[in-house]
Amino acid sequence: MIKMKISLCSVYTTAQSDCINSHLTIVDDDDVSSTSSEESQITITPNERTPLLLGRSVSASASAHDSSSPSFSSAMYTKECLNWRIIGLLVMFTTGLGVASYLLWLERPKNPDNDYQLSLTQHDLWSLCPLQGQALLEAGKVVNVYITHTGSVECTENCAQLLHTLQHQHLGELPYNFLMAGDCEAYEARGWRYASNYGTLPQSSSLVLAFVGNFTQQLPSSCQLEMAEALLWESQRRRKLQPRYQLYALRNVSRSEFDADALQRKLRQWPLYAGLEQVK
């Protein structure tokens, strides 16, 4: 067996040189018969004196670290996106809740500027006509208010007796929900439970109020007007009338083309006035 020792030198870039020692082992052909064939081996171990190999090892380690960086960055990106999505959903939920609260606030019954007083005589205390079997109002869906007059004589006392006369002429209960008489009293006719049964109006979603008397050329008394306004506030308080209702003046053209004209001009000044409705 022949042994050779080779000394390899590498030059540092810093002008300092070191040597890399390695051993080369050569197997003679004569020994093939006695031993197995072996390959020539060169073993080089990187150490502090082999900077090129050491740099290569460091580069390999850095490459392995870099190969794992995309996965780490992807995980961080996914987590960040998830956080922003959660924040977005919370903002949307909070905004929706705020809008819903605002809409409910708009739909609330608003209190009048001044405290109102309502003097209401219930149906069973004055009326002689039963209401069983009459069409009902749709609870919570009343969105229209029609105001008119009875076109009759007025009263300042014994108004219940006058209303009995009007019932007799009508052959039944009067086609109004409430009446405001000259004695500063409101009288419940069909009330908040039963439909008005007045002409071609949308009865199940409407309240019909009538001033007792003829108000084509003159206005109702101030206490009658106050009773009408108080009825509207009380209807909202009891949730029998929607806050954003529409108010109409009602004219019976079978009496006159100017029927309830003075009353209609007054109602134009009221909030939520929507126009004039004519019936026969």
Protein backbone atom coordinates (compact mmCIF):
# COMPACT_ATOMS: atom_id res chain seq x y z
CA MET A 1 0.00 0.00 0.00
CA ILE A 2 1.30 3.41 -0.94
CA LYS A 3 0.45 6.36 1.19
CA MET A 4 0.72 9.93 0.03
CA LYS A 5 0.25 13.06 2.06
CA ILE A 6 -1.02 16.08 0.20
CA SER A 7 -1.05 19.51 1.70
CA LEU A 8 -3.66 21.84 0.24
CA CYS A 9 -3.59 25.49 1.05
CA SER A 10 -6.28 28.09 0.79
CA VAL A 11 -5.70 31.76 0.86
CA TYR A 12 -7.80 34.02 3.08
CA THR A 13 -9.03 37.22 1.59
CA THR A 14 -7.55 38.90 4.64
CA ALA A 15 -4.04 37.98 3.37
CA GLN A 16 -3.66 35.24 5.99
CA SER A 17 -3.20 31.68 4.72
CA ASP A 18 -3.82 28.38 6.38
CA CYS A 19 -3.56 24.88 5.19
CA ILE A 20 -6.14 22.22 4.90
CA ASN A 21 -4.77 18.85 5.82
CA SER A 22 -6.29 15.89 4.24
CA HIS A 23 -5.19 12.34 3.70
CA LEU A 24 -5.36 10.50 0.45
CA THR A 25 -5.31 6.77 0.66
CA ILE A 26 -4.48 4.75 -2.50
CA VAL A 27 -4.96 1.02 -2.61
CA ASP A 28 -2.49 -0.99 -4.68
CA ASP A 29 -3.78 -3.35 -7.36
CA ASP A 30 -1.84 -6.25 -5.83
CA ASP A 31 -3.96 -6.20 -2.77
CA VAL A 32 -7.21 -6.69 -4.72
CA SER A 33 -7.05 -10.42 -4.28
CA SER A 34 -6.70 -10.30 -0.52
CA THR A 35 -9.06 -7.46 0.25
CA SER A 36 -12.26 -6.07 -1.14
CA SER A 37 -12.10 -3.30 -3.61
CA GLU A 38 -12.33 0.05 -1.87
CA GLU A 39 -12.94 3.47 -3.28
CA SER A 40 -10.49 6.27 -2.73
CA GLN A 41 -11.77 8.55 -0.01
CA ILE A 42 -11.09 12.21 0.66
CA THR A 43 -12.48 13.43 3.91
CA ILE A 44 -12.50 17.16 4.58
CA THR A 45 -14.02 18.46 7.80
CA PRO A 46 -14.78 22.17 7.95
CA ASN A 47 -13.35 23.98 10.91
CA GLU A 48 -12.16 27.38 11.86
CA ARG A 49 -9.22 26.91 9.50
CA THR A 50 -11.44 26.15 6.49
CA PRO A 51 -13.41 29.39 5.98
CA LEU A 52 -14.66 28.48 2.53
CA LEU A 53 -16.30 25.30 3.75
CA LEU A 54 -17.52 27.05 6.86
CA GLY A 55 -19.10 29.78 4.75
CA ARG A 56 -20.78 27.15 2.61
CA SER A 57 -22.21 25.49 5.72
CA VAL A 58 -23.51 28.80 6.99
CA SER A 59 -25.03 29.52 3.58
CA ALA A 60 -26.79 26.17 3.62
CA SER A 61 -28.18 26.89 7.08
CA ALA A 62 -29.34 30.34 5.98
CA SER A 63 -31.01 28.82 2.93
CA ALA A 64 -32.87 26.37 5.15
CA HIS A 65 -34.00 29.25 7.36
CA ASP A 66 -35.07 31.27 4.33
CA SER A 67 -37.04 28.33 2.99
CA SER A 68 -39.08 28.34 6.19
CA SER A 69 -39.61 32.14 6.10
CA PRO A 70 -42.47 32.11 3.52
CA SER A 71 -44.47 29.73 5.70
CA PHE A 72 -43.90 31.93 8.75
CA SER A 73 -44.79 35.09 6.81
CA SER A 74 -47.90 33.42 5.41
CA ALA A 75 -49.03 32.48 8.92
CA MET A 76 -48.50 36.04 10.14
CA TYR A 77 -50.41 37.42 7.12
CA THR A 78 -53.32 35.03 7.70
CA LYS A 79 -53.53 35.97 11.38
CA GLU A 80 -53.46 39.68 10.54
CA CYS A 81 -56.22 39.27 7.93
CA LEU A 82 -58.32 37.35 10.44
CA ASN A 83 -57.93 40.13 12.99
CA TRP A 84 -59.02 42.78 10.49
CA ARG A 85 -62.04 40.69 9.48
CA ILE A 86 -63.13 40.39 13.09
CA ILE A 87 -62.72 44.14 13.54
CA GLY A 88 -64.74 44.77 10.36
CA LEU A 89 -67.58 42.51 11.54
CA LEU A 90 -67.65 44.27 14.91
CA VAL A 91 -67.83 47.66 13.20
CA MET A 92 -70.66 46.49 10.93
CA PHE A 93 -72.58 45.04 13.88
CA THR A 94 -72.15 48.22 15.93
CA THR A 95 -73.24 50.39 13.00
CA GLY A 96 -76.31 48.25 12.36
CA LEU A 97 -77.25 48.37 16.02
CA GLY A 98 -76.91 52.16 16.01
CA VAL A 99 -79.07 52.56 12.91
CA ALA A 100 -81.76 50.27 14.34
CA SER A 101 -81.79 52.21 17.60
CA TYR A 102 -82.11 55.49 15.72
CA LEU A 103 -85.04 54.21 13.66
CA LEU A 104 -86.80 53.00 16.80
CA TRP A 105 -86.17 56.40 18.35
CA LEU A 106 -87.83 58.08 15.35
CA GLU A 107 -90.87 55.81 15.66
CA ARG A 108 -91.42 56.54 19.33
CA PRO A 109 -94.53 58.48 20.32
CA LYS A 110 -93.43 62.09 20.79
CA ASN A 111 -94.76 64.00 23.74
CA PRO A 112 -96.52 67.29 23.04
CA ASP A 113 -94.87 70.54 24.03
CA ASN A 114 -97.51 71.07 26.70
CA ASP A 115 -99.29 68.50 28.83
CA TYR A 116 -102.62 67.65 27.28
CA GLN A 117 -105.84 66.84 29.09
CA LEU A 118 -108.35 64.46 27.58
CA SER A 119 -111.88 64.20 28.90
CA LEU A 120 -113.28 61.09 27.26
CA THR A 121 -116.74 59.60 27.75
CA GLN A 122 -116.64 55.91 26.98
CA HIS A 123 -119.07 54.30 24.55
CA ASP A 124 -121.08 52.30 27.06
CA LEU A 125 -121.73 55.40 29.19
CA TRP A 126 -123.66 57.31 26.55
CA SER A 127 -124.38 55.19 23.44
CA LEU A 128 -127.49 53.06 22.97
CA CYS A 129 -126.07 51.09 20.02
CA PRO A 130 -124.15 47.80 20.43
CA LEU A 131 -120.92 47.27 18.50
CA GLN A 132 -120.68 43.48 18.52
CA GLY A 133 -120.06 42.03 15.06
CA GLN A 134 -118.60 45.25 13.64
CA ALA A 135 -115.39 45.24 11.57
CA LEU A 136 -112.23 45.65 13.63
CA LEU A 137 -109.29 47.99 13.26
CA GLU A 138 -105.91 46.40 12.55
CA ALA A 139 -104.05 46.71 15.83
CA GLY A 140 -100.79 48.60 15.44
CA LYS A 141 -101.38 49.35 11.73
CA VAL A 142 -103.51 52.49 11.88
CA VAL A 143 -101.67 55.07 9.75
CA ASN A 144 -104.46 57.44 8.61
CA VAL A 145 -106.52 60.03 10.46
CA TYR A 146 -109.56 61.66 8.82
CA ILE A 147 -111.19 64.67 10.47
CA THR A 148 -114.61 66.03 9.52
CA HIS A 149 -117.79 67.41 11.12
CA THR A 150 -121.26 66.02 11.65
CA GLY A 151 -122.88 68.88 9.71
CA SER A 152 -125.54 69.12 12.40
CA VAL A 153 -126.43 71.70 14.99
CA GLU A 154 -123.96 72.35 17.72
CA CYS A 155 -124.23 71.73 21.43
CA THR A 156 -122.66 73.15 24.56
CA GLU A 157 -124.62 70.99 27.03
CA ASN A 158 -126.67 67.79 26.94
CA CYS A 159 -124.51 66.71 24.02
CA ALA A 160 -125.20 63.02 24.67
CA GLN A 161 -128.89 63.68 23.91
CA LEU A 162 -127.94 65.30 20.58
CA LEU A 163 -125.77 62.31 19.75
CA HIS A 164 -128.70 59.95 20.45
CA THR A 165 -130.72 61.92 17.90
CA LEU A 166 -127.94 61.58 15.35
CA GLN A 167 -127.77 57.83 16.00
CA HIS A 168 -131.50 57.54 15.40
CA GLN A 169 -131.14 59.37 12.09
CA HIS A 170 -128.23 57.17 11.08
CA LEU A 171 -130.11 54.01 12.09
CA GLY A 172 -127.21 52.76 14.16
CA GLU A 173 -123.89 53.71 15.59
CA LEU A 174 -122.37 56.84 14.08
CA PRO A 175 -119.62 56.17 11.48
CA TYR A 176 -116.88 57.83 13.54
CA ASN A 177 -114.33 56.60 16.03
CA PHE A 178 -114.57 59.69 18.24
CA LEU A 179 -116.61 62.90 18.39
CA MET A 180 -115.60 66.25 19.90
CA ALA A 181 -118.60 68.15 21.23
CA GLY A 182 -119.09 71.76 22.29
CA ASP A 183 -119.20 70.80 25.99
CA CYS A 184 -115.42 70.19 25.73
CA GLU A 185 -115.98 66.45 26.00
CA ALA A 186 -114.78 63.73 23.64
CA TYR A 187 -117.22 60.87 23.05
CA GLU A 188 -116.16 57.38 22.09
CA ALA A 189 -118.26 55.99 19.24
CA ARG A 190 -116.40 53.09 17.58
CA GLY A 191 -113.26 53.86 19.54
CA TRP A 192 -109.86 52.26 19.03
CA ARG A 193 -111.28 48.79 18.50
CA TYR A 194 -113.80 49.03 15.66
CA ALA A 195 -113.47 50.41 12.11
CA SER A 196 -115.33 53.59 11.22
CA ASN A 197 -117.52 52.19 8.44
CA TYR A 198 -117.30 55.56 6.70
CA GLY A 199 -117.73 55.44 2.91
CA THR A 200 -114.80 54.28 0.78
CA LEU A 201 -112.03 55.04 3.26
CA PRO A 202 -109.40 52.41 4.15
CA GLN A 203 -111.36 51.57 7.27
CA SER A 204 -109.17 48.95 8.95
CA SER A 205 -106.17 51.31 9.02
CA SER A 206 -107.92 54.63 9.71
CA LEU A 207 -109.33 56.66 12.56
CA VAL A 208 -112.19 59.07 11.79
CA LEU A 209 -112.76 62.02 14.13
CA ALA A 210 -115.76 64.36 13.84
CA PHE A 211 -116.54 67.73 15.39
CA VAL A 212 -120.15 67.95 16.47
CA GLY A 213 -121.68 70.85 14.52
CA ASN A 214 -121.35 72.57 11.14
CA PHE A 215 -117.96 74.12 10.47
CA THR A 216 -118.11 75.11 6.86
CA GLN A 217 -117.93 78.84 7.62
CA GLN A 218 -116.69 78.93 11.20
CA LEU A 219 -114.16 77.05 13.27
CA PRO A 220 -114.85 74.67 16.16
CA SER A 221 -114.28 76.08 19.62
CA SER A 222 -110.78 76.08 21.04
CA CYS A 223 -111.65 73.34 23.54
CA GLN A 224 -112.95 71.13 20.71
CA LEU A 225 -109.72 71.60 18.79
CA GLU A 226 -107.76 70.78 21.95
CA MET A 227 -109.81 67.60 22.45
CA ALA A 228 -108.98 66.51 18.88
CA GLU A 229 -105.26 67.07 19.41
CA ALA A 230 -105.41 65.28 22.77
CA LEU A 231 -107.08 62.29 21.10
CA LEU A 232 -104.24 62.06 18.60
CA TRP A 233 -101.63 62.13 21.37
CA GLU A 234 -103.55 59.60 23.44
CA SER A 235 -103.91 57.30 20.43
CA GLN A 236 -100.14 57.31 19.99
CA ARG A 237 -99.51 56.81 23.69
CA ARG A 238 -101.73 53.73 23.63
CA ARG A 239 -100.00 52.59 20.43
CA LYS A 240 -103.29 52.66 18.56
CA LEU A 241 -101.90 55.10 15.99
CA GLN A 242 -98.53 55.09 14.24
CA PRO A 243 -96.34 58.13 15.05
CA ARG A 244 -95.81 58.93 11.36
CA TYR A 245 -99.51 58.90 10.52
CA GLN A 246 -101.07 61.00 7.75
CA LEU A 247 -103.78 63.53 8.53
CA TYR A 248 -106.60 64.28 6.05
CA ALA A 249 -109.47 66.72 6.05
CA LEU A 250 -112.66 64.90 5.07
CA ARG A 251 -115.26 66.63 2.90
CA ASN A 252 -118.72 65.20 2.21
CA VAL A 253 -119.51 66.63 -1.22
CA SER A 254 -123.09 65.29 -1.04
CA ARG A 255 -123.78 68.15 1.42
CA SER A 256 -121.84 70.87 -0.39
CA GLU A 257 -118.75 71.34 -2.50
CA PHE A 258 -117.49 73.60 0.29
CA ASP A 259 -118.42 71.23 3.09
CA ALA A 260 -116.25 71.75 6.23
CA ASP A 261 -114.23 74.38 4.35
CA ALA A 262 -113.27 76.46 7.42
CA LEU A 263 -112.25 73.31 9.27
CA GLN A 264 -110.17 72.14 6.32
CA ARG A 265 -108.25 75.43 6.21
CA LYS A 266 -107.48 75.06 9.92
CA LEU A 267 -106.25 71.50 9.54
CA ARG A 268 -103.72 72.58 6.91
CA GLN A 269 -101.73 74.11 9.77
CA TRP A 270 -101.53 70.86 11.75
CA PRO A 271 -98.47 68.60 11.69
CA LEU A 272 -98.55 65.65 9.28
CA TYR A 273 -101.36 67.16 7.21
CA ALA A 274 -101.52 65.20 3.95
CA GLY A 275 -104.43 66.75 2.02
CA LEU A 276 -108.17 66.81 1.44
CA GLU A 277 -110.23 63.65 0.90
CA GLN A 278 -113.67 63.91 -0.67
CA VAL A 279 -116.48 61.39 -0.16
CA LYS A 280 -120.17 61.20 -0.96
